[in-house]
Protein backbone atom coordinates (compact mmCIF):
# COMPACT_ATOMS: atom_id res chain seq x y z
CA MET A 1 105.27 96.51 47.27
CA ASN A 2 103.40 97.63 50.31
CA GLN A 3 103.43 94.10 51.76
CA GLU A 4 107.17 93.73 51.20
CA LEU A 5 107.81 97.00 52.97
CA LEU A 6 105.67 95.80 55.87
CA LYS A 7 107.56 92.46 55.95
CA THR A 8 110.90 94.24 55.98
CA ASN A 9 109.77 96.55 58.76
CA LEU A 10 108.39 93.63 60.72
CA ASN A 11 111.65 91.67 60.37
CA GLY A 12 113.59 94.72 61.47
CA LEU A 13 111.35 95.10 64.52
CA GLU A 14 111.75 91.40 65.38
CA ARG A 15 115.54 91.72 65.29
CA LYS A 16 115.43 94.82 67.47
CA ILE A 17 113.11 93.10 69.95
CA LEU A 18 115.44 90.10 70.15
CA VAL A 19 118.39 92.39 70.77
CA LEU A 20 116.47 94.19 73.50
CA VAL A 21 115.34 90.92 75.13
CA ASN A 22 118.91 89.60 75.14
CA GLU A 23 120.21 92.86 76.57
CA HIS A 24 117.49 92.79 79.23
CA LYS A 25 118.47 89.23 80.22
CA LYS A 26 122.16 90.20 80.44
CA LEU A 27 121.33 93.19 82.61
CA LYS A 28 119.14 91.08 84.92
CA ASP A 29 121.98 88.58 85.31
CA GLU A 30 124.43 91.38 86.02
CA ILE A 31 122.10 92.87 88.65
CA LYS A 32 121.77 89.46 90.31
CA SER A 33 125.55 89.06 90.35
CA LEU A 34 126.10 92.56 91.72
CA LYS A 35 123.51 92.02 94.45
CA ALA A 36 125.28 88.82 95.51
CA GLU A 37 128.64 90.60 95.52
CA ASN A 38 127.15 93.48 97.51
CA GLN A 39 125.78 91.08 100.11
CA GLU A 40 129.14 89.33 100.35
CA LEU A 41 130.93 92.65 100.84
CA LYS A 42 128.43 93.71 103.53
CA SER A 43 129.05 90.43 105.32
CA ASP A 44 132.81 90.98 105.06
CA ILE A 45 132.47 94.49 106.50
CA HIS A 46 130.39 93.14 109.38
CA SER A 47 132.99 90.47 110.10
CA ARG A 48 135.80 93.03 110.06
CA ASP A 49 133.83 95.32 112.36
CA GLU A 50 133.52 92.46 114.84
CA GLN A 51 137.24 91.80 114.59
CA LEU A 52 137.95 95.48 115.21
CA VAL A 53 135.80 95.44 118.34
CA ASN A 54 137.65 92.34 119.54
CA PHE A 55 141.02 93.97 118.92
CA LYS A 56 139.92 97.09 120.79
CA ASN A 57 138.89 94.89 123.71
CA GLN A 58 142.28 93.18 123.63
CA ILE A 59 144.00 96.56 123.77
CA LYS A 60 141.85 97.56 126.75
CA ILE A 61 142.66 94.31 128.54
CA SER A 62 146.36 94.74 127.81
CA LYS A 63 146.27 98.27 129.23
CA ILE A 64 144.56 97.00 132.38
CA VAL A 65 147.17 94.28 132.77
CA ASP A 66 150.00 96.76 132.23
CA SER A 67 148.55 99.15 134.79
CA ILE A 68 148.52 96.51 137.54
CA ASN A 69 151.37 97.03 139.99
CA PRO A 70 153.65 93.95 139.92
CA GLU A 71 154.77 94.25 143.56
CA ASP A 72 152.54 91.43 144.71
CA GLY A 73 153.16 87.83 143.60
CA SER A 74 149.46 87.22 142.99
CA VAL A 75 149.36 90.20 140.66
CA SER A 76 152.05 88.73 138.44
CA GLU A 77 150.10 85.47 138.42
CA LEU A 78 147.00 87.43 137.41
CA LYS A 79 148.96 89.09 134.60
CA LYS A 80 150.06 85.70 133.34
CA LYS A 81 146.49 84.39 133.36
CA VAL A 82 145.19 87.44 131.50
CA ASP A 83 148.00 87.12 128.95
CA ASP A 84 147.08 83.46 128.49
CA TYR A 85 143.45 84.45 127.95
CA ILE A 86 144.48 87.03 125.38
CA GLN A 87 146.56 84.46 123.51
CA GLU A 88 143.62 82.05 123.54
CA ILE A 89 141.30 84.79 122.23
CA ASP A 90 143.82 85.54 119.47
CA LYS A 91 143.80 81.88 118.46
CA CYS A 92 139.98 81.87 118.40
CA ILE A 93 139.87 85.01 116.26
CA ALA A 94 142.44 83.60 113.86
CA TYR A 95 140.42 80.39 113.59
CA LEU A 96 137.15 82.27 113.00
CA SER A 97 138.68 84.54 110.36
CA ARG A 98 139.63 81.60 108.13
C-alpha cells in the first residue's frame, strides 16, 4: 500500500511538473513576443518624433517665407524656390513614412 501511495504521489507530481514546464514555455514565448512588440513600438515612436521635428522645421521655413516682404521681384522668386523645396521635402517624408 505504501508503494502505491508513493506511485500515485509521484504521478501527481509528474503531471504538475509538466503543467508548470508548459506554462513556463508559454510565458517565455509571450515575453519574447512582447519584447519584439515593445521594440517595434519604440521604433515607431522614434520615427514619429523625427517626422514631428521635420514638420516643425517646415512650419519655421513657411513662417520665414511668409515674413519676407514681396516688394522685390527676387524675393518672390525666393519664395517660389523655398515653396518648391518644401514640396520636395514633403514628398521625401511621405516616401520615407511608407
